[in-house]
Amino acid sequence: MQECFDDIDLIGHEIKAINHIMQRKMIASADRAGVDKITLMHGWIICFLFEQKDIDVYQKDIENTFAISRSTVTNILKLMEKKGYIIRESVESDARLKKLMLTDKGIEIHNKIHNAIIENETRFQSVLTESERKEFFFLIRKLRNGIENT
């Protein structure tokens, strides 16, 4: 029996497949680092908040940086707050705004997963030459911008 897409290169399929493989590698690395019961997205958000610790970060920043919907970010942040990784603090100038800050537990988790992320990124990028990496990032960003803006 012939598959529907045997002779066609599908961008979406390849991106989904590589995303799945990369997630498995990241989860395995985090597990070896002693981080369990944390989603991959929590780890990326924790690292983002750690890197931005000198400026105020709001939910909208998470939505824009990771290209995820408001409702999804709301649910993620609620769970992260419940697990004790972050707190939301009111801003004096606008009571409706809540800045996001890592707790001590969040910082501890960051320290554990940071090396796992670097280890995996190094492995992922080592597959490509410098020229191929530049071309990859050019193309993937072009694709992302084209999809977001249509």
N, C-alpha and C. Protein backbone atom coordinates (compact mmCIF):
# COMPACT_ATOMS: atom_id res chain seq x y z
N MET A 1 0.84 -1.19 0.00
CA MET A 1 0.00 0.00 0.00
C MET A 1 0.89 1.25 0.00
N GLN A 2 0.63 2.17 -0.87
CA GLN A 2 1.44 3.38 -0.99
C GLN A 2 0.91 4.46 -0.04
N GLU A 3 1.84 5.13 0.62
CA GLU A 3 1.48 6.23 1.53
C GLU A 3 1.09 7.45 0.71
N CYS A 4 0.28 8.31 1.28
CA CYS A 4 -0.21 9.52 0.61
C CYS A 4 0.92 10.45 0.19
N PHE A 5 1.94 10.56 1.01
CA PHE A 5 2.97 11.58 0.79
C PHE A 5 4.35 10.98 0.58
N ASP A 6 4.44 9.78 0.07
CA ASP A 6 5.73 9.11 -0.11
C ASP A 6 6.73 9.93 -0.93
N ASP A 7 6.27 10.56 -1.99
CA ASP A 7 7.19 11.23 -2.91
C ASP A 7 7.25 12.73 -2.71
N ILE A 8 6.77 13.21 -1.57
CA ILE A 8 6.72 14.65 -1.33
C ILE A 8 7.49 14.99 -0.07
N ASP A 9 8.33 16.03 -0.15
CA ASP A 9 9.00 16.55 1.04
C ASP A 9 8.03 17.50 1.74
N LEU A 10 7.68 17.21 2.98
CA LEU A 10 6.74 18.03 3.74
C LEU A 10 7.47 18.77 4.84
N ILE A 11 7.49 20.08 4.76
CA ILE A 11 8.17 20.91 5.75
C ILE A 11 7.58 20.68 7.13
N GLY A 12 6.27 20.73 7.23
CA GLY A 12 5.61 20.55 8.52
C GLY A 12 5.94 19.22 9.18
N HIS A 13 5.96 18.16 8.38
CA HIS A 13 6.30 16.84 8.91
C HIS A 13 7.72 16.80 9.44
N GLU A 14 8.66 17.34 8.69
CA GLU A 14 10.06 17.34 9.12
C GLU A 14 10.26 18.16 10.39
N ILE A 15 9.60 19.32 10.46
CA ILE A 15 9.72 20.15 11.66
C ILE A 15 9.14 19.42 12.86
N LYS A 16 7.99 18.79 12.70
CA LYS A 16 7.36 18.04 13.79
C LYS A 16 8.25 16.88 14.23
N ALA A 17 8.82 16.17 13.27
CA ALA A 17 9.66 15.02 13.60
C ALA A 17 10.92 15.45 14.35
N ILE A 18 11.59 16.49 13.85
CA ILE A 18 12.82 16.92 14.51
C ILE A 18 12.50 17.52 15.88
N ASN A 19 11.38 18.21 16.00
CA ASN A 19 10.96 18.75 17.30
C ASN A 19 10.78 17.62 18.31
N HIS A 20 10.15 16.55 17.88
CA HIS A 20 9.92 15.41 18.77
C HIS A 20 11.24 14.79 19.22
N ILE A 21 12.15 14.60 18.28
CA ILE A 21 13.46 14.01 18.60
C ILE A 21 14.23 14.93 19.56
N MET A 22 14.24 16.23 19.26
CA MET A 22 14.97 17.18 20.11
C MET A 22 14.36 17.24 21.51
N GLN A 23 13.05 17.18 21.61
CA GLN A 23 12.41 17.19 22.92
C GLN A 23 12.82 15.97 23.73
N ARG A 24 12.85 14.80 23.10
CA ARG A 24 13.27 13.58 23.81
C ARG A 24 14.69 13.72 24.33
N LYS A 25 15.58 14.28 23.51
CA LYS A 25 16.98 14.48 23.92
C LYS A 25 17.06 15.47 25.09
N MET A 26 16.29 16.56 25.02
CA MET A 26 16.30 17.57 26.08
C MET A 26 15.75 16.99 27.39
N ILE A 27 14.68 16.24 27.30
CA ILE A 27 14.08 15.64 28.51
C ILE A 27 15.05 14.65 29.14
N ALA A 28 15.73 13.85 28.32
CA ALA A 28 16.72 12.90 28.84
C ALA A 28 17.86 13.63 29.53
N SER A 29 18.33 14.73 28.94
CA SER A 29 19.42 15.51 29.56
C SER A 29 18.98 16.14 30.87
N ALA A 30 17.77 16.67 30.89
CA ALA A 30 17.25 17.27 32.12
C ALA A 30 17.12 16.21 33.21
N ASP A 31 16.67 15.04 32.82
CA ASP A 31 16.53 13.94 33.78
C ASP A 31 17.89 13.56 34.36
N ARG A 32 18.92 13.49 33.52
CA ARG A 32 20.28 13.17 34.00
C ARG A 32 20.80 14.27 34.94
N ALA A 33 20.32 15.50 34.73
CA ALA A 33 20.76 16.62 35.58
C ALA A 33 19.97 16.68 36.89
N GLY A 34 19.05 15.75 37.07
CA GLY A 34 18.27 15.71 38.30
C GLY A 34 17.01 16.54 38.27
N VAL A 35 16.56 16.91 37.08
CA VAL A 35 15.33 17.68 36.95
C VAL A 35 14.25 16.74 36.43
N ASP A 36 13.24 16.50 37.27
CA ASP A 36 12.16 15.66 36.81
C ASP A 36 10.83 16.38 37.03
N LYS A 37 9.83 15.88 36.36
CA LYS A 37 8.47 16.44 36.44
C LYS A 37 8.43 17.91 36.07
N ILE A 38 9.19 18.27 35.08
CA ILE A 38 9.15 19.64 34.56
C ILE A 38 8.98 19.54 33.05
N THR A 39 8.08 20.33 32.51
CA THR A 39 7.91 20.28 31.06
C THR A 39 9.03 21.06 30.40
N LEU A 40 9.26 20.74 29.15
CA LEU A 40 10.30 21.42 28.39
C LEU A 40 10.01 22.91 28.29
N MET A 41 8.75 23.28 28.08
CA MET A 41 8.40 24.70 27.97
C MET A 41 8.67 25.42 29.28
N HIS A 42 8.42 24.79 30.41
CA HIS A 42 8.75 25.41 31.69
C HIS A 42 10.24 25.73 31.74
N GLY A 43 11.06 24.80 31.28
CA GLY A 43 12.51 25.02 31.29
C GLY A 43 12.92 26.19 30.43
N TRP A 44 12.34 26.31 29.23
CA TRP A 44 12.67 27.43 28.35
C TRP A 44 12.24 28.76 28.98
N ILE A 45 11.07 28.77 29.58
CA ILE A 45 10.57 30.00 30.22
C ILE A 45 11.43 30.36 31.43
N ILE A 46 11.81 29.38 32.21
CA ILE A 46 12.68 29.63 33.37
C ILE A 46 14.00 30.23 32.89
N CYS A 47 14.58 29.67 31.84
CA CYS A 47 15.84 30.22 31.31
C CYS A 47 15.65 31.64 30.79
N PHE A 48 14.55 31.88 30.10
CA PHE A 48 14.26 33.23 29.59
C PHE A 48 14.14 34.22 30.74
N LEU A 49 13.40 33.86 31.79
CA LEU A 49 13.24 34.75 32.94
C LEU A 49 14.57 35.00 33.63
N PHE A 50 15.40 33.98 33.72
CA PHE A 50 16.71 34.13 34.35
C PHE A 50 17.57 35.10 33.54
N GLU A 51 17.56 34.95 32.22
CA GLU A 51 18.36 35.83 31.36
C GLU A 51 17.86 37.26 31.39
N GLN A 52 16.58 37.46 31.65
CA GLN A 52 15.97 38.79 31.66
C GLN A 52 15.78 39.32 33.09
N LYS A 53 16.50 38.78 34.05
CA LYS A 53 16.25 39.09 35.45
C LYS A 53 16.42 40.56 35.81
N ASP A 54 17.13 41.33 35.00
CA ASP A 54 17.35 42.74 35.30
C ASP A 54 16.28 43.65 34.72
N ILE A 55 15.33 43.08 33.99
CA ILE A 55 14.24 43.89 33.45
C ILE A 55 12.90 43.24 33.80
N ASP A 56 11.85 44.02 33.76
CA ASP A 56 10.52 43.48 34.04
C ASP A 56 10.04 42.66 32.86
N VAL A 57 9.55 41.47 33.14
CA VAL A 57 9.03 40.57 32.11
C VAL A 57 7.57 40.30 32.46
N TYR A 58 6.73 40.38 31.42
CA TYR A 58 5.30 40.18 31.59
C TYR A 58 4.84 39.01 30.72
N GLN A 59 3.61 38.57 30.94
CA GLN A 59 3.08 37.45 30.19
C GLN A 59 3.18 37.68 28.68
N LYS A 60 2.91 38.89 28.25
CA LYS A 60 2.96 39.22 26.83
C LYS A 60 4.36 38.94 26.24
N ASP A 61 5.40 39.17 27.03
CA ASP A 61 6.76 38.89 26.58
C ASP A 61 6.96 37.39 26.33
N ILE A 62 6.38 36.56 27.18
CA ILE A 62 6.46 35.11 27.00
C ILE A 62 5.70 34.70 25.73
N GLU A 63 4.51 35.26 25.57
CA GLU A 63 3.70 34.96 24.38
C GLU A 63 4.48 35.28 23.11
N ASN A 64 5.08 36.47 23.06
CA ASN A 64 5.81 36.91 21.86
C ASN A 64 7.10 36.13 21.64
N THR A 65 7.85 35.91 22.69
CA THR A 65 9.14 35.22 22.56
C THR A 65 8.98 33.78 22.09
N PHE A 66 7.99 33.09 22.62
CA PHE A 66 7.82 31.68 22.31
C PHE A 66 6.71 31.40 21.30
N ALA A 67 6.07 32.46 20.81
CA ALA A 67 5.01 32.34 19.80
C ALA A 67 3.92 31.37 20.22
N ILE A 68 3.44 31.56 21.45
CA ILE A 68 2.34 30.74 21.95
C ILE A 68 1.19 31.64 22.39
N SER A 69 0.01 31.09 22.37
CA SER A 69 -1.20 31.88 22.61
C SER A 69 -1.31 32.32 24.06
N ARG A 70 -2.12 33.35 24.25
CA ARG A 70 -2.33 33.91 25.58
C ARG A 70 -2.89 32.85 26.55
N SER A 71 -3.88 32.09 26.09
CA SER A 71 -4.49 31.09 26.97
C SER A 71 -3.49 30.00 27.36
N THR A 72 -2.65 29.60 26.41
CA THR A 72 -1.64 28.59 26.71
C THR A 72 -0.63 29.12 27.72
N VAL A 73 -0.17 30.35 27.51
CA VAL A 73 0.79 30.95 28.45
C VAL A 73 0.16 31.10 29.83
N THR A 74 -1.09 31.51 29.87
CA THR A 74 -1.79 31.65 31.16
C THR A 74 -1.76 30.33 31.92
N ASN A 75 -2.09 29.24 31.24
CA ASN A 75 -2.10 27.93 31.89
C ASN A 75 -0.71 27.50 32.33
N ILE A 76 0.29 27.73 31.49
CA ILE A 76 1.66 27.38 31.83
C ILE A 76 2.12 28.16 33.06
N LEU A 77 1.87 29.46 33.07
CA LEU A 77 2.33 30.30 34.19
C LEU A 77 1.61 29.94 35.48
N LYS A 78 0.32 29.61 35.39
CA LYS A 78 -0.41 29.18 36.59
C LYS A 78 0.23 27.93 37.19
N LEU A 79 0.58 26.98 36.32
CA LEU A 79 1.19 25.75 36.80
C LEU A 79 2.59 26.01 37.37
N MET A 80 3.34 26.88 36.70
CA MET A 80 4.68 27.22 37.20
C MET A 80 4.60 27.92 38.55
N GLU A 81 3.59 28.75 38.71
CA GLU A 81 3.39 29.44 39.99
C GLU A 81 3.00 28.42 41.07
N LYS A 82 2.12 27.50 40.73
CA LYS A 82 1.69 26.46 41.66
C LYS A 82 2.86 25.58 42.11
N LYS A 83 3.77 25.30 41.17
CA LYS A 83 4.94 24.47 41.48
C LYS A 83 6.02 25.25 42.23
N GLY A 84 5.84 26.56 42.34
CA GLY A 84 6.79 27.38 43.10
C GLY A 84 7.98 27.86 42.30
N TYR A 85 7.92 27.81 40.96
CA TYR A 85 9.03 28.26 40.13
C TYR A 85 9.03 29.78 39.92
N ILE A 86 7.83 30.36 39.90
CA ILE A 86 7.72 31.80 39.65
C ILE A 86 6.72 32.43 40.61
N ILE A 87 6.81 33.75 40.71
CA ILE A 87 5.76 34.53 41.36
C ILE A 87 5.37 35.64 40.40
N ARG A 88 4.13 36.10 40.56
CA ARG A 88 3.66 37.24 39.77
C ARG A 88 3.48 38.39 40.75
N GLU A 89 4.13 39.49 40.44
CA GLU A 89 4.12 40.64 41.34
C GLU A 89 3.47 41.83 40.64
N SER A 90 2.56 42.51 41.34
CA SER A 90 1.90 43.68 40.77
C SER A 90 2.90 44.80 40.51
N VAL A 91 2.60 45.59 39.50
CA VAL A 91 3.43 46.72 39.12
C VAL A 91 2.75 47.98 39.65
N GLU A 92 3.53 48.85 40.27
CA GLU A 92 2.95 50.07 40.87
C GLU A 92 2.22 50.93 39.86
N SER A 93 2.77 51.06 38.66
CA SER A 93 2.20 51.97 37.67
C SER A 93 0.90 51.45 37.07
N ASP A 94 0.65 50.13 37.13
CA ASP A 94 -0.56 49.56 36.55
C ASP A 94 -0.90 48.27 37.29
N ALA A 95 -1.91 48.31 38.11
CA ALA A 95 -2.27 47.17 38.95
C ALA A 95 -2.68 45.95 38.12
N ARG A 96 -3.08 46.17 36.86
CA ARG A 96 -3.48 45.04 36.01
C ARG A 96 -2.28 44.24 35.55
N LEU A 97 -1.12 44.88 35.48
CA LEU A 97 0.09 44.19 35.03
C LEU A 97 0.74 43.43 36.17
N LYS A 98 1.22 42.25 35.85
CA LYS A 98 1.96 41.44 36.82
C LYS A 98 3.28 41.05 36.19
N LYS A 99 4.37 41.47 36.82
CA LYS A 99 5.67 41.05 36.30
C LYS A 99 5.99 39.66 36.84
N LEU A 100 6.72 38.92 36.04
CA LEU A 100 7.06 37.54 36.36
C LEU A 100 8.47 37.48 36.92
N MET A 101 8.62 36.78 38.02
CA MET A 101 9.94 36.66 38.65
C MET A 101 10.16 35.22 39.10
N LEU A 102 11.40 34.78 38.94
CA LEU A 102 11.76 33.44 39.42
C LEU A 102 11.86 33.44 40.94
N THR A 103 11.44 32.35 41.53
CA THR A 103 11.65 32.13 42.96
C THR A 103 13.02 31.48 43.13
N ASP A 104 13.43 31.27 44.37
CA ASP A 104 14.68 30.55 44.62
C ASP A 104 14.63 29.15 44.02
N LYS A 105 13.46 28.52 44.11
CA LYS A 105 13.29 27.19 43.51
C LYS A 105 13.43 27.28 41.99
N GLY A 106 12.89 28.32 41.38
CA GLY A 106 13.02 28.51 39.94
C GLY A 106 14.47 28.71 39.53
N ILE A 107 15.21 29.46 40.32
CA ILE A 107 16.63 29.69 40.04
C ILE A 107 17.41 28.38 40.18
N GLU A 108 17.06 27.58 41.17
CA GLU A 108 17.71 26.28 41.35
C GLU A 108 17.46 25.38 40.14
N ILE A 109 16.21 25.36 39.67
CA ILE A 109 15.87 24.58 38.48
C ILE A 109 16.66 25.10 37.27
N HIS A 110 16.73 26.43 37.14
CA HIS A 110 17.49 27.02 36.03
C HIS A 110 18.92 26.51 36.02
N ASN A 111 19.55 26.54 37.17
CA ASN A 111 20.95 26.12 37.25
C ASN A 111 21.13 24.66 36.82
N LYS A 112 20.13 23.84 37.11
CA LYS A 112 20.22 22.43 36.73
C LYS A 112 20.00 22.21 35.23
N ILE A 113 19.08 22.98 34.64
CA ILE A 113 18.76 22.72 33.24
C ILE A 113 19.62 23.51 32.27
N HIS A 114 20.26 24.56 32.73
CA HIS A 114 21.06 25.40 31.84
C HIS A 114 22.13 24.57 31.12
N ASN A 115 22.86 23.78 31.86
CA ASN A 115 23.91 22.96 31.25
C ASN A 115 23.34 21.93 30.29
N ALA A 116 22.16 21.39 30.62
CA ALA A 116 21.53 20.42 29.72
C ALA A 116 21.15 21.08 28.39
N ILE A 117 20.66 22.30 28.45
CA ILE A 117 20.30 23.02 27.23
C ILE A 117 21.54 23.30 26.39
N ILE A 118 22.59 23.79 27.04
CA ILE A 118 23.83 24.09 26.32
C ILE A 118 24.41 22.83 25.69
N GLU A 119 24.43 21.74 26.43
CA GLU A 119 24.95 20.47 25.93
C GLU A 119 24.18 20.04 24.68
N ASN A 120 22.86 20.11 24.72
CA ASN A 120 22.05 19.70 23.59
C ASN A 120 22.19 20.66 22.41
N GLU A 121 22.17 21.95 22.66
CA GLU A 121 22.33 22.94 21.58
C GLU A 121 23.66 22.73 20.87
N THR A 122 24.71 22.47 21.63
CA THR A 122 26.02 22.21 21.04
C THR A 122 25.95 20.98 20.14
N ARG A 123 25.29 19.94 20.62
CA ARG A 123 25.15 18.72 19.82
C ARG A 123 24.32 18.98 18.57
N PHE A 124 23.20 19.68 18.71
CA PHE A 124 22.34 19.96 17.57
C PHE A 124 23.08 20.78 16.52
N GLN A 125 23.79 21.83 16.97
CA GLN A 125 24.46 22.72 16.03
C GLN A 125 25.70 22.08 15.40
N SER A 126 26.29 21.10 16.09
CA SER A 126 27.50 20.47 15.56
C SER A 126 27.23 19.65 14.30
N VAL A 127 25.98 19.32 14.07
CA VAL A 127 25.61 18.55 12.89
C VAL A 127 25.79 19.39 11.62
N LEU A 128 25.69 20.72 11.76
CA LEU A 128 25.77 21.62 10.61
C LEU A 128 27.07 22.41 10.64
N THR A 129 27.55 22.78 9.46
CA THR A 129 28.69 23.69 9.38
C THR A 129 28.20 25.09 9.75
N GLU A 130 29.13 26.01 9.96
CA GLU A 130 28.75 27.38 10.28
C GLU A 130 27.89 27.99 9.16
N SER A 131 28.27 27.74 7.95
CA SER A 131 27.51 28.24 6.80
C SER A 131 26.10 27.64 6.76
N GLU A 132 26.01 26.34 7.02
CA GLU A 132 24.70 25.67 7.04
C GLU A 132 23.83 26.20 8.17
N ARG A 133 24.44 26.47 9.34
CA ARG A 133 23.68 27.03 10.47
C ARG A 133 23.10 28.39 10.10
N LYS A 134 23.93 29.24 9.48
CA LYS A 134 23.45 30.57 9.06
C LYS A 134 22.29 30.43 8.09
N GLU A 135 22.44 29.56 7.13
CA GLU A 135 21.38 29.34 6.13
C GLU A 135 20.12 28.76 6.80
N PHE A 136 20.31 27.81 7.71
CA PHE A 136 19.18 27.22 8.44
C PHE A 136 18.40 28.30 9.18
N PHE A 137 19.12 29.13 9.95
CA PHE A 137 18.43 30.16 10.72
C PHE A 137 17.77 31.20 9.82
N PHE A 138 18.40 31.52 8.73
CA PHE A 138 17.78 32.43 7.76
C PHE A 138 16.47 31.85 7.25
N LEU A 139 16.51 30.59 6.83
CA LEU A 139 15.32 29.95 6.26
C LEU A 139 14.23 29.71 7.29
N ILE A 140 14.59 29.25 8.48
CA ILE A 140 13.56 28.93 9.48
C ILE A 140 12.89 30.21 9.96
N ARG A 141 13.66 31.30 10.06
CA ARG A 141 13.06 32.58 10.46
C ARG A 141 12.21 33.16 9.34
N LYS A 142 12.63 32.98 8.12
CA LYS A 142 11.82 33.42 6.98
C LYS A 142 10.50 32.67 6.96
N LEU A 143 10.55 31.37 7.16
CA LEU A 143 9.35 30.55 7.21
C LEU A 143 8.43 30.99 8.36
N ARG A 144 9.01 31.16 9.55
CA ARG A 144 8.23 31.58 10.72
C ARG A 144 7.56 32.93 10.47
N ASN A 145 8.33 33.91 9.98
CA ASN A 145 7.76 35.23 9.72
C ASN A 145 6.67 35.18 8.65
N GLY A 146 6.90 34.40 7.61
CA GLY A 146 5.92 34.27 6.55
C GLY A 146 4.62 33.65 7.02
N ILE A 147 4.73 32.66 7.90
CA ILE A 147 3.53 31.99 8.42
C ILE A 147 2.80 32.91 9.41
N GLU A 148 3.55 33.56 10.29
CA GLU A 148 2.93 34.44 11.30
C GLU A 148 2.24 35.64 10.67
N ASN A 149 2.77 36.13 9.56
CA ASN A 149 2.27 37.37 8.97
C ASN A 149 1.29 37.14 7.82
N THR A 150 0.79 35.93 7.66
CA THR A 150 -0.21 35.68 6.61
C THR A 150 -1.51 35.20 7.20
